[in-house]
């Protein structure tokens, strides 16, 4: 069975991705002994995803994929964007990020938002990209305990409940990461068969 490293330490993200990918042995950063934090210094999801994937590939030489994703809010000039994980400052905290987002949106009537995800896959020494988006809106208060990040505030289009409430099976069909991962899985099926 082919091995594929997930270049992430985010347990919520790893659980989400493992529920979508089958037929490949997935390895976490812990599995390969990588304990450092990979810097994400760039201003685009593409550059950050590539930096993470190439760092891990250079470390272990195995097939690897990394994603960079974030929440983009048009009323806030697409913030938090690539800074989504650190929007509330350091140390990184979902609660602080959500609190700042609600604070920044207080003066805005447009609460539309979208999640964006870019996956960088290094497979057999070649680099590929897969993208996904999910449109929705930011609620006035958090609801639910499922998911991670901004999920308790994000209500996807066509639904009344946040990703913090909706089951993971529904989230995976709608989410930006789910869409990007499925594109990558379809690509890998051709490579593995």
N, C-alpha and C. Protein backbone atom coordinates (compact mmCIF):
# COMPACT_ATOMS: atom_id res chain seq x y z
N UNK A 1 0.85 -1.19 0.00
CA UNK A 1 0.00 0.00 0.00
C UNK A 1 0.89 1.25 0.00
N UNK A 2 0.54 2.20 -0.85
CA UNK A 2 1.30 3.44 -0.93
C UNK A 2 1.14 4.25 0.35
N UNK A 3 2.21 4.94 0.74
CA UNK A 3 2.18 5.80 1.91
C UNK A 3 2.04 7.26 1.48
N UNK A 4 1.35 8.02 2.31
CA UNK A 4 1.18 9.44 2.05
C UNK A 4 1.20 10.16 3.39
N UNK A 5 2.08 11.15 3.51
CA UNK A 5 2.21 11.91 4.76
C UNK A 5 1.28 13.12 4.72
N UNK A 6 0.54 13.31 5.81
CA UNK A 6 -0.25 14.53 5.99
C UNK A 6 0.64 15.52 6.73
N UNK A 7 0.99 16.60 6.09
CA UNK A 7 1.90 17.58 6.71
C UNK A 7 1.13 18.51 7.64
N UNK A 8 0.66 17.92 8.74
CA UNK A 8 -0.11 18.71 9.70
C UNK A 8 -0.01 18.07 11.08
N UNK A 9 -0.11 18.91 12.10
CA UNK A 9 -0.24 18.45 13.47
C UNK A 9 -1.64 18.73 14.02
N UNK A 10 -2.51 19.30 13.18
CA UNK A 10 -3.86 19.66 13.60
C UNK A 10 -4.73 18.40 13.64
N UNK A 11 -5.06 17.94 14.84
CA UNK A 11 -5.79 16.67 14.99
C UNK A 11 -7.17 16.73 14.35
N UNK A 12 -7.83 17.88 14.41
CA UNK A 12 -9.14 18.02 13.78
C UNK A 12 -9.05 17.87 12.27
N UNK A 13 -8.04 18.48 11.70
CA UNK A 13 -7.82 18.41 10.26
C UNK A 13 -7.47 16.98 9.84
N UNK A 14 -6.61 16.31 10.61
CA UNK A 14 -6.20 14.94 10.28
C UNK A 14 -7.40 14.00 10.32
N UNK A 15 -8.24 14.12 11.35
CA UNK A 15 -9.45 13.28 11.47
C UNK A 15 -10.36 13.50 10.27
N UNK A 16 -10.54 14.77 9.91
CA UNK A 16 -11.40 15.13 8.78
C UNK A 16 -10.89 14.50 7.49
N UNK A 17 -9.59 14.59 7.24
CA UNK A 17 -9.00 14.08 6.00
C UNK A 17 -9.02 12.55 5.97
N UNK A 18 -8.71 11.92 7.11
CA UNK A 18 -8.70 10.46 7.15
C UNK A 18 -10.07 9.87 6.85
N UNK A 19 -11.13 10.62 7.15
CA UNK A 19 -12.48 10.12 6.88
C UNK A 19 -12.83 10.17 5.39
N UNK A 20 -12.01 10.84 4.59
CA UNK A 20 -12.26 10.97 3.15
C UNK A 20 -11.37 10.04 2.33
N UNK A 21 -10.12 9.85 2.74
CA UNK A 21 -9.15 9.09 1.95
C UNK A 21 -9.16 7.61 2.33
N UNK A 22 -9.23 6.75 1.31
CA UNK A 22 -9.17 5.30 1.52
C UNK A 22 -8.15 4.70 0.56
N UNK A 23 -7.62 3.54 0.92
CA UNK A 23 -6.73 2.82 0.01
C UNK A 23 -5.29 3.28 0.01
N UNK A 24 -4.98 4.22 0.89
CA UNK A 24 -3.61 4.73 1.03
C UNK A 24 -3.29 4.76 2.51
N UNK A 25 -2.09 4.37 2.88
CA UNK A 25 -1.69 4.44 4.28
C UNK A 25 -1.27 5.86 4.60
N UNK A 26 -2.06 6.51 5.45
CA UNK A 26 -1.77 7.89 5.82
C UNK A 26 -0.86 7.93 7.03
N UNK A 27 0.15 8.77 6.95
CA UNK A 27 1.09 8.96 8.05
C UNK A 27 1.01 10.40 8.53
N UNK A 28 1.01 10.57 9.84
CA UNK A 28 1.02 11.92 10.40
C UNK A 28 2.47 12.38 10.56
N UNK A 29 2.65 13.63 10.90
CA UNK A 29 4.00 14.13 11.17
C UNK A 29 4.62 13.39 12.36
N UNK A 30 3.78 13.04 13.32
CA UNK A 30 4.26 12.26 14.47
C UNK A 30 4.79 10.90 14.01
N UNK A 31 4.07 10.28 13.06
CA UNK A 31 4.48 8.96 12.55
C UNK A 31 5.87 8.99 11.92
N UNK A 32 6.23 10.11 11.29
CA UNK A 32 7.54 10.19 10.61
C UNK A 32 8.60 10.85 11.49
N UNK A 33 8.23 11.23 12.71
CA UNK A 33 9.20 11.80 13.64
C UNK A 33 9.51 13.26 13.40
N UNK A 34 8.61 13.98 12.72
CA UNK A 34 8.84 15.41 12.49
C UNK A 34 8.17 16.18 13.62
N UNK A 35 8.97 16.92 14.39
CA UNK A 35 8.42 17.59 15.57
C UNK A 35 8.48 19.12 15.48
N UNK A 36 9.11 19.66 14.46
CA UNK A 36 9.23 21.11 14.34
C UNK A 36 7.93 21.72 13.81
N UNK A 37 7.80 23.01 14.01
CA UNK A 37 6.70 23.76 13.42
C UNK A 37 7.21 24.34 12.11
N UNK A 38 6.45 24.17 11.04
CA UNK A 38 6.85 24.72 9.74
C UNK A 38 6.31 26.14 9.63
N UNK A 39 7.18 27.07 9.33
CA UNK A 39 6.77 28.48 9.17
C UNK A 39 5.87 28.63 7.95
N UNK A 40 4.91 29.53 8.07
CA UNK A 40 4.02 29.87 6.95
C UNK A 40 4.10 31.38 6.73
N UNK A 41 5.21 31.84 6.17
CA UNK A 41 5.47 33.28 6.13
C UNK A 41 4.84 34.02 4.94
N UNK A 42 4.19 33.31 4.04
CA UNK A 42 3.77 33.93 2.78
C UNK A 42 2.36 34.51 2.83
N UNK A 43 2.01 35.23 1.78
CA UNK A 43 0.73 35.93 1.73
C UNK A 43 -0.31 35.21 0.88
N UNK A 44 0.03 34.00 0.39
CA UNK A 44 -0.94 33.24 -0.38
C UNK A 44 -1.03 31.81 0.14
N UNK A 45 -2.19 31.21 -0.04
CA UNK A 45 -2.39 29.83 0.37
C UNK A 45 -1.47 28.90 -0.42
N UNK A 46 -1.27 29.18 -1.72
CA UNK A 46 -0.40 28.35 -2.57
C UNK A 46 1.02 28.28 -2.03
N UNK A 47 1.58 29.45 -1.72
CA UNK A 47 2.98 29.50 -1.26
C UNK A 47 3.15 28.79 0.08
N UNK A 48 2.20 29.00 1.00
CA UNK A 48 2.30 28.36 2.30
C UNK A 48 2.14 26.85 2.20
N UNK A 49 1.21 26.38 1.36
CA UNK A 49 1.01 24.94 1.20
C UNK A 49 2.27 24.30 0.60
N UNK A 50 2.86 24.95 -0.39
CA UNK A 50 4.08 24.42 -1.00
C UNK A 50 5.23 24.37 0.01
N UNK A 51 5.36 25.43 0.81
CA UNK A 51 6.44 25.46 1.81
C UNK A 51 6.32 24.30 2.78
N UNK A 52 5.10 24.05 3.26
CA UNK A 52 4.89 22.95 4.21
C UNK A 52 5.18 21.60 3.54
N UNK A 53 4.62 21.40 2.34
CA UNK A 53 4.80 20.11 1.66
C UNK A 53 6.27 19.86 1.33
N UNK A 54 6.96 20.85 0.81
CA UNK A 54 8.36 20.65 0.41
C UNK A 54 9.27 20.46 1.62
N UNK A 55 8.97 21.14 2.73
CA UNK A 55 9.75 20.95 3.95
C UNK A 55 9.65 19.51 4.44
N UNK A 56 8.45 18.97 4.45
CA UNK A 56 8.25 17.60 4.93
C UNK A 56 8.83 16.60 3.92
N UNK A 57 8.66 16.87 2.63
CA UNK A 57 9.24 15.97 1.61
C UNK A 57 10.76 15.91 1.75
N UNK A 58 11.38 17.06 1.94
CA UNK A 58 12.84 17.11 2.10
C UNK A 58 13.29 16.40 3.37
N UNK A 59 12.41 16.35 4.38
CA UNK A 59 12.73 15.70 5.64
C UNK A 59 12.67 14.17 5.51
N UNK A 60 11.63 13.66 4.84
CA UNK A 60 11.41 12.21 4.86
C UNK A 60 11.51 11.52 3.49
N UNK A 61 11.42 12.29 2.40
CA UNK A 61 11.48 11.70 1.07
C UNK A 61 10.25 10.91 0.67
N UNK A 62 9.18 11.00 1.46
CA UNK A 62 7.95 10.26 1.15
C UNK A 62 6.95 11.17 0.43
N UNK A 63 5.99 10.54 -0.26
CA UNK A 63 4.89 11.31 -0.83
C UNK A 63 4.21 12.08 0.29
N UNK A 64 3.86 13.33 0.03
CA UNK A 64 3.34 14.18 1.09
C UNK A 64 2.34 15.18 0.51
N UNK A 65 1.39 15.56 1.35
CA UNK A 65 0.56 16.69 0.96
C UNK A 65 0.35 17.61 2.16
N UNK A 66 0.22 18.89 1.84
CA UNK A 66 -0.03 19.91 2.85
C UNK A 66 -1.11 20.83 2.32
N UNK A 67 -1.91 21.34 3.23
CA UNK A 67 -2.88 22.33 2.78
C UNK A 67 -2.66 23.62 3.53
N UNK A 68 -3.06 24.69 2.91
CA UNK A 68 -3.19 25.95 3.62
C UNK A 68 -4.59 26.42 3.32
N UNK A 69 -5.25 26.83 4.36
CA UNK A 69 -6.64 27.21 4.18
C UNK A 69 -6.98 28.30 5.16
N UNK A 70 -8.09 28.94 4.90
CA UNK A 70 -8.50 30.00 5.81
C UNK A 70 -9.87 30.52 5.47
N UNK A 71 -10.35 31.37 6.34
CA UNK A 71 -11.64 32.01 6.19
C UNK A 71 -11.44 33.39 5.60
N UNK A 72 -12.19 33.70 4.57
CA UNK A 72 -12.08 35.00 3.90
C UNK A 72 -13.41 35.73 4.01
N UNK A 73 -13.38 36.95 4.53
CA UNK A 73 -14.58 37.73 4.76
C UNK A 73 -14.51 39.00 3.92
N UNK A 74 -15.35 39.10 2.87
CA UNK A 74 -15.28 40.28 2.00
C UNK A 74 -15.40 41.62 2.73
N UNK A 75 -16.24 41.71 3.75
CA UNK A 75 -16.41 42.98 4.48
C UNK A 75 -15.13 43.39 5.21
N UNK A 76 -14.22 42.42 5.42
CA UNK A 76 -12.96 42.69 6.12
C UNK A 76 -11.77 42.61 5.17
N UNK A 77 -11.99 42.94 3.90
CA UNK A 77 -10.94 42.88 2.87
C UNK A 77 -10.30 41.49 2.82
N UNK A 78 -11.14 40.47 2.93
CA UNK A 78 -10.77 39.05 2.84
C UNK A 78 -9.94 38.55 4.04
N UNK A 79 -9.89 39.35 5.10
CA UNK A 79 -9.30 38.84 6.34
C UNK A 79 -10.29 37.85 6.96
N UNK A 80 -9.83 36.95 7.82
CA UNK A 80 -8.45 36.72 8.25
C UNK A 80 -7.55 36.05 7.21
N UNK A 81 -8.11 35.39 6.19
CA UNK A 81 -7.31 34.84 5.10
C UNK A 81 -6.19 33.93 5.56
N UNK A 82 -4.97 34.16 5.04
CA UNK A 82 -3.84 33.28 5.39
C UNK A 82 -3.45 33.41 6.86
N UNK A 83 -3.94 34.44 7.53
CA UNK A 83 -3.67 34.60 8.96
C UNK A 83 -4.77 34.02 9.84
N UNK A 84 -5.64 33.19 9.27
CA UNK A 84 -6.80 32.66 10.00
C UNK A 84 -6.43 32.01 11.33
N UNK A 85 -5.36 31.23 11.35
CA UNK A 85 -4.99 30.50 12.57
C UNK A 85 -4.50 31.43 13.68
N UNK A 86 -4.01 32.63 13.30
CA UNK A 86 -3.41 33.54 14.29
C UNK A 86 -4.15 34.87 14.37
N UNK A 87 -5.38 34.92 13.90
CA UNK A 87 -6.13 36.17 13.80
C UNK A 87 -6.30 36.85 15.16
N UNK A 88 -6.46 36.05 16.19
CA UNK A 88 -6.64 36.59 17.54
C UNK A 88 -5.34 36.82 18.28
N UNK A 89 -4.20 36.59 17.62
CA UNK A 89 -2.89 36.78 18.23
C UNK A 89 -2.29 35.48 18.73
N UNK A 90 -1.14 35.62 19.38
CA UNK A 90 -0.43 34.46 19.93
C UNK A 90 -0.65 34.38 21.43
N UNK A 91 -0.67 33.20 22.02
CA UNK A 91 -0.63 31.90 21.34
C UNK A 91 -1.92 31.66 20.56
N UNK A 92 -1.83 30.81 19.56
CA UNK A 92 -2.95 30.51 18.68
C UNK A 92 -4.12 29.95 19.50
N UNK A 93 -5.33 30.47 19.23
CA UNK A 93 -6.51 30.04 19.98
C UNK A 93 -7.75 30.22 19.13
N UNK A 94 -8.51 29.13 18.95
CA UNK A 94 -9.77 29.22 18.20
C UNK A 94 -10.72 30.22 18.86
N UNK A 95 -10.79 30.18 20.18
CA UNK A 95 -11.70 31.08 20.90
C UNK A 95 -11.34 32.54 20.66
N UNK A 96 -10.04 32.88 20.73
CA UNK A 96 -9.61 34.27 20.49
C UNK A 96 -9.85 34.68 19.04
N UNK A 97 -9.61 33.75 18.10
CA UNK A 97 -9.84 34.05 16.69
C UNK A 97 -11.32 34.35 16.44
N UNK A 98 -12.19 33.52 17.00
CA UNK A 98 -13.63 33.72 16.82
C UNK A 98 -14.11 35.01 17.47
N UNK A 99 -13.56 35.29 18.63
CA UNK A 99 -13.93 36.52 19.34
C UNK A 99 -13.54 37.76 18.53
N UNK A 100 -12.33 37.75 17.97
CA UNK A 100 -11.90 38.91 17.18
C UNK A 100 -12.76 39.05 15.93
N UNK A 101 -13.09 37.92 15.27
CA UNK A 101 -13.91 37.99 14.06
C UNK A 101 -15.26 38.62 14.37
N UNK A 102 -15.91 38.19 15.44
CA UNK A 102 -17.21 38.76 15.82
C UNK A 102 -17.07 40.25 16.12
N UNK A 103 -15.99 40.61 16.79
CA UNK A 103 -15.75 42.02 17.12
C UNK A 103 -15.58 42.86 15.85
N UNK A 104 -14.78 42.37 14.91
CA UNK A 104 -14.52 43.12 13.66
C UNK A 104 -15.78 43.27 12.81
N UNK A 105 -16.69 42.30 12.90
CA UNK A 105 -17.90 42.33 12.07
C UNK A 105 -19.05 43.13 12.68
N UNK A 106 -18.89 43.61 13.90
CA UNK A 106 -19.98 44.32 14.58
C UNK A 106 -20.52 45.49 13.77
N UNK A 107 -19.66 46.20 13.07
CA UNK A 107 -20.09 47.39 12.34
C UNK A 107 -20.50 47.08 10.90
N UNK A 108 -20.50 45.81 10.51
CA UNK A 108 -20.81 45.44 9.13
C UNK A 108 -22.13 44.69 9.02
N UNK A 109 -22.87 44.99 7.97
CA UNK A 109 -24.11 44.24 7.72
C UNK A 109 -23.84 43.05 6.81
N UNK A 110 -22.84 43.16 5.96
CA UNK A 110 -22.47 42.05 5.07
C UNK A 110 -21.67 41.03 5.89
N UNK A 111 -22.27 39.87 6.13
CA UNK A 111 -21.61 38.83 6.91
C UNK A 111 -21.24 37.64 6.04
N UNK A 112 -21.25 37.84 4.71
CA UNK A 112 -20.87 36.75 3.81
C UNK A 112 -19.40 36.39 4.04
N UNK A 113 -19.09 35.13 3.77
CA UNK A 113 -17.72 34.65 3.98
C UNK A 113 -17.53 33.40 3.14
N UNK A 114 -16.28 33.04 2.92
CA UNK A 114 -16.00 31.76 2.28
C UNK A 114 -14.69 31.20 2.82
N UNK A 115 -14.69 29.88 2.92
CA UNK A 115 -13.47 29.17 3.25
C UNK A 115 -12.75 28.86 1.94
N UNK A 116 -11.45 28.94 1.95
CA UNK A 116 -10.63 28.59 0.79
C UNK A 116 -9.55 27.61 1.23
N UNK A 117 -9.29 26.61 0.39
CA UNK A 117 -8.26 25.62 0.71
C UNK A 117 -7.43 25.35 -0.54
N UNK A 118 -6.12 25.32 -0.38
CA UNK A 118 -5.20 24.90 -1.43
C UNK A 118 -4.37 23.75 -0.88
N UNK A 119 -4.38 22.63 -1.60
CA UNK A 119 -3.55 21.49 -1.25
C UNK A 119 -2.38 21.43 -2.20
N UNK A 120 -1.19 21.24 -1.64
CA UNK A 120 0.00 20.97 -2.45
C UNK A 120 0.38 19.51 -2.20
N UNK A 121 0.39 18.73 -3.26
CA UNK A 121 0.76 17.31 -3.20
C UNK A 121 2.09 17.12 -3.91
N UNK A 122 3.02 16.49 -3.21
CA UNK A 122 4.26 16.07 -3.87
C UNK A 122 4.19 14.55 -3.95
N UNK A 123 4.01 14.05 -5.17
CA UNK A 123 3.79 12.63 -5.42
C UNK A 123 4.81 12.15 -6.45
N UNK A 124 5.62 11.20 -6.04
CA UNK A 124 6.67 10.68 -6.94
C UNK A 124 7.52 11.83 -7.50
N UNK A 125 7.89 12.75 -6.62
CA UNK A 125 8.76 13.89 -6.92
C UNK A 125 8.13 14.98 -7.79
N UNK A 126 6.86 14.84 -8.16
CA UNK A 126 6.16 15.88 -8.94
C UNK A 126 5.21 16.65 -8.02
N UNK A 127 4.99 17.92 -8.32
CA UNK A 127 4.15 18.78 -7.48
C UNK A 127 2.82 19.09 -8.18
N UNK A 128 1.73 18.96 -7.43
CA UNK A 128 0.38 19.19 -7.95
C UNK A 128 -0.40 20.03 -6.94
N UNK A 129 -1.38 20.78 -7.44
CA UNK A 129 -2.23 21.60 -6.57
C UNK A 129 -3.70 21.26 -6.79
N UNK A 130 -4.47 21.33 -5.70
CA UNK A 130 -5.91 21.09 -5.73
C UNK A 130 -6.56 22.15 -4.84
N UNK A 131 -7.70 22.69 -5.31
CA UNK A 131 -8.33 23.79 -4.58
C UNK A 131 -9.80 23.50 -4.31
N UNK A 132 -10.30 24.10 -3.25
CA UNK A 132 -11.71 24.00 -2.92
C UNK A 132 -12.16 25.23 -2.16
N UNK A 133 -13.43 25.60 -2.33
CA UNK A 133 -14.01 26.71 -1.58
C UNK A 133 -15.37 26.30 -1.04
N UNK A 134 -15.80 26.99 -0.02
CA UNK A 134 -17.12 26.79 0.56
C UNK A 134 -17.69 28.15 0.94
N UNK A 135 -18.83 28.50 0.34
CA UNK A 135 -19.46 29.80 0.57
C UNK A 135 -20.43 29.72 1.74
N UNK A 136 -20.55 30.82 2.47
CA UNK A 136 -21.49 30.85 3.58
C UNK A 136 -21.56 32.23 4.20
N UNK A 137 -21.87 32.26 5.50
CA UNK A 137 -21.98 33.52 6.23
C UNK A 137 -21.55 33.29 7.68
N UNK A 138 -21.21 34.39 8.34
CA UNK A 138 -20.78 34.35 9.73
C UNK A 138 -21.98 34.64 10.63
N UNK A 139 -22.25 33.72 11.55
CA UNK A 139 -23.34 33.89 12.51
C UNK A 139 -23.00 35.01 13.51
N UNK A 140 -24.01 35.45 14.25
CA UNK A 140 -23.78 36.50 15.26
C UNK A 140 -23.23 35.93 16.56
N UNK A 141 -23.36 34.62 16.72
CA UNK A 141 -22.77 33.97 17.90
C UNK A 141 -22.43 32.52 17.56
N UNK A 142 -21.52 31.96 18.31
CA UNK A 142 -21.05 30.60 18.06
C UNK A 142 -22.12 29.58 18.45
N UNK A 143 -22.13 28.45 17.73
CA UNK A 143 -23.02 27.35 18.08
C UNK A 143 -22.35 26.03 17.73
N UNK A 144 -22.51 25.05 18.61
CA UNK A 144 -21.97 23.72 18.36
C UNK A 144 -20.54 23.56 18.83
N UNK A 145 -20.14 22.30 18.96
CA UNK A 145 -18.80 21.98 19.43
C UNK A 145 -18.04 21.09 18.45
N UNK A 146 -18.63 20.81 17.29
CA UNK A 146 -17.96 19.97 16.31
C UNK A 146 -17.00 20.83 15.49
N UNK A 147 -16.09 20.13 14.79
CA UNK A 147 -15.16 20.83 13.93
C UNK A 147 -14.09 21.56 14.74
N UNK A 148 -13.52 22.59 14.12
CA UNK A 148 -12.45 23.36 14.76
C UNK A 148 -12.38 24.71 14.08
N UNK A 149 -11.53 25.57 14.56
CA UNK A 149 -11.37 26.89 13.94
C UNK A 149 -12.64 27.72 14.03
N UNK A 150 -13.06 28.22 12.88
CA UNK A 150 -14.24 29.10 12.82
C UNK A 150 -15.54 28.33 12.61
N UNK A 151 -15.49 27.01 12.66
CA UNK A 151 -16.67 26.19 12.38
C UNK A 151 -17.91 26.57 13.19
N UNK A 152 -17.80 26.91 14.48
CA UNK A 152 -19.00 27.28 15.23
C UNK A 152 -19.66 28.58 14.76
N UNK A 153 -18.94 29.38 13.97
CA UNK A 153 -19.49 30.64 13.47
C UNK A 153 -19.91 30.57 12.00
N UNK A 154 -19.42 29.57 11.27
CA UNK A 154 -19.61 29.54 9.82
C UNK A 154 -20.85 28.72 9.46
N UNK A 155 -21.81 29.38 8.80
CA UNK A 155 -23.03 28.71 8.33
C UNK A 155 -22.93 28.58 6.82
N UNK A 156 -22.79 27.35 6.30
CA UNK A 156 -22.65 27.19 4.85
C UNK A 156 -23.96 27.53 4.13
N UNK A 157 -23.84 28.04 2.92
CA UNK A 157 -25.02 28.37 2.12
C UNK A 157 -25.94 27.16 2.01
N UNK A 158 -27.25 27.41 2.17
CA UNK A 158 -28.24 26.34 2.06
C UNK A 158 -28.55 25.67 3.38
N UNK A 159 -27.88 26.08 4.45
CA UNK A 159 -28.09 25.47 5.77
C UNK A 159 -28.41 26.54 6.80
N UNK A 160 -29.03 26.13 7.89
CA UNK A 160 -29.39 27.05 8.97
C UNK A 160 -28.42 26.92 10.14
N UNK A 161 -27.65 25.82 10.14
CA UNK A 161 -26.77 25.54 11.27
C UNK A 161 -25.30 25.68 10.87
N UNK A 162 -24.47 25.94 11.87
CA UNK A 162 -23.04 26.11 11.61
C UNK A 162 -22.35 24.77 11.43
N UNK A 163 -21.12 24.82 10.92
CA UNK A 163 -20.29 23.61 10.85
C UNK A 163 -20.02 23.05 12.25
N UNK A 164 -20.17 23.86 13.27
CA UNK A 164 -20.01 23.39 14.64
C UNK A 164 -21.15 22.49 15.09
N UNK A 165 -22.26 22.53 14.37
CA UNK A 165 -23.44 21.73 14.69
C UNK A 165 -23.62 20.59 13.69
N UNK A 166 -23.39 20.86 12.41
CA UNK A 166 -23.63 19.87 11.36
C UNK A 166 -22.71 18.66 11.52
N UNK A 167 -23.22 17.45 11.20
CA UNK A 167 -22.37 16.25 11.29
C UNK A 167 -21.19 16.33 10.33
N UNK A 168 -20.10 15.65 10.68
CA UNK A 168 -18.89 15.65 9.86
C UNK A 168 -19.17 15.14 8.45
N UNK A 169 -20.09 14.19 8.31
CA UNK A 169 -20.41 13.66 6.98
C UNK A 169 -20.96 14.76 6.07
N UNK A 170 -21.78 15.65 6.62
CA UNK A 170 -22.30 16.77 5.82
C UNK A 170 -21.20 17.79 5.58
N UNK A 171 -20.44 18.10 6.62
CA UNK A 171 -19.35 19.08 6.46
C UNK A 171 -18.39 18.65 5.36
N UNK A 172 -18.04 17.37 5.34
CA UNK A 172 -17.07 16.89 4.35
C UNK A 172 -17.59 17.01 2.91
N UNK A 173 -18.90 16.93 2.72
CA UNK A 173 -19.43 17.09 1.35
C UNK A 173 -19.43 18.55 0.92
N UNK A 174 -19.48 19.47 1.89
CA UNK A 174 -19.58 20.90 1.59
C UNK A 174 -18.27 21.65 1.71
N UNK A 175 -17.39 21.18 2.60
CA UNK A 175 -16.26 22.00 3.00
C UNK A 175 -15.22 22.20 1.91
N UNK A 176 -14.54 23.31 2.03
CA UNK A 176 -13.43 23.65 1.14
C UNK A 176 -12.37 22.57 1.14
N UNK A 177 -12.01 22.08 2.32
CA UNK A 177 -10.99 21.05 2.42
C UNK A 177 -11.49 19.73 1.84
N UNK A 178 -12.75 19.40 2.14
CA UNK A 178 -13.34 18.18 1.59
C UNK A 178 -13.31 18.18 0.07
N UNK A 179 -13.66 19.31 -0.53
CA UNK A 179 -13.66 19.42 -2.00
C UNK A 179 -12.25 19.27 -2.57
N UNK A 180 -11.28 19.94 -1.93
CA UNK A 180 -9.90 19.85 -2.42
C UNK A 180 -9.35 18.44 -2.23
N UNK A 181 -9.64 17.81 -1.09
CA UNK A 181 -9.15 16.46 -0.83
C UNK A 181 -9.76 15.47 -1.83
N UNK A 182 -11.05 15.62 -2.12
CA UNK A 182 -11.68 14.71 -3.10
C UNK A 182 -11.06 14.85 -4.49
N UNK A 183 -10.70 16.06 -4.87
CA UNK A 183 -10.00 16.26 -6.15
C UNK A 183 -8.66 15.53 -6.13
N UNK A 184 -7.95 15.64 -5.00
CA UNK A 184 -6.67 14.95 -4.88
C UNK A 184 -6.86 13.44 -4.90
N UNK A 185 -7.88 12.94 -4.20
CA UNK A 185 -8.15 11.50 -4.15
C UNK A 185 -8.46 10.97 -5.55
N UNK A 186 -9.28 11.71 -6.31
CA UNK A 186 -9.59 11.29 -7.69
C UNK A 186 -8.32 11.21 -8.52
N UNK A 187 -7.43 12.17 -8.34
CA UNK A 187 -6.16 12.18 -9.04
C UNK A 187 -5.32 10.98 -8.63
N UNK A 188 -5.27 10.67 -7.34
CA UNK A 188 -4.45 9.57 -6.85
C UNK A 188 -4.98 8.21 -7.28
N UNK A 189 -6.29 8.09 -7.43
CA UNK A 189 -6.87 6.80 -7.88
C UNK A 189 -6.28 6.40 -9.21
N UNK A 190 -6.13 7.36 -10.11
CA UNK A 190 -5.52 7.07 -11.42
C UNK A 190 -4.06 6.67 -11.28
N UNK A 191 -3.36 7.26 -10.31
CA UNK A 191 -1.94 6.97 -10.12
C UNK A 191 -1.72 5.60 -9.48
N UNK A 192 -2.66 5.18 -8.63
CA UNK A 192 -2.50 3.94 -7.87
C UNK A 192 -3.01 2.73 -8.65
N UNK A 193 -4.10 2.91 -9.39
CA UNK A 193 -4.70 1.78 -10.13
C UNK A 193 -3.80 1.24 -11.22
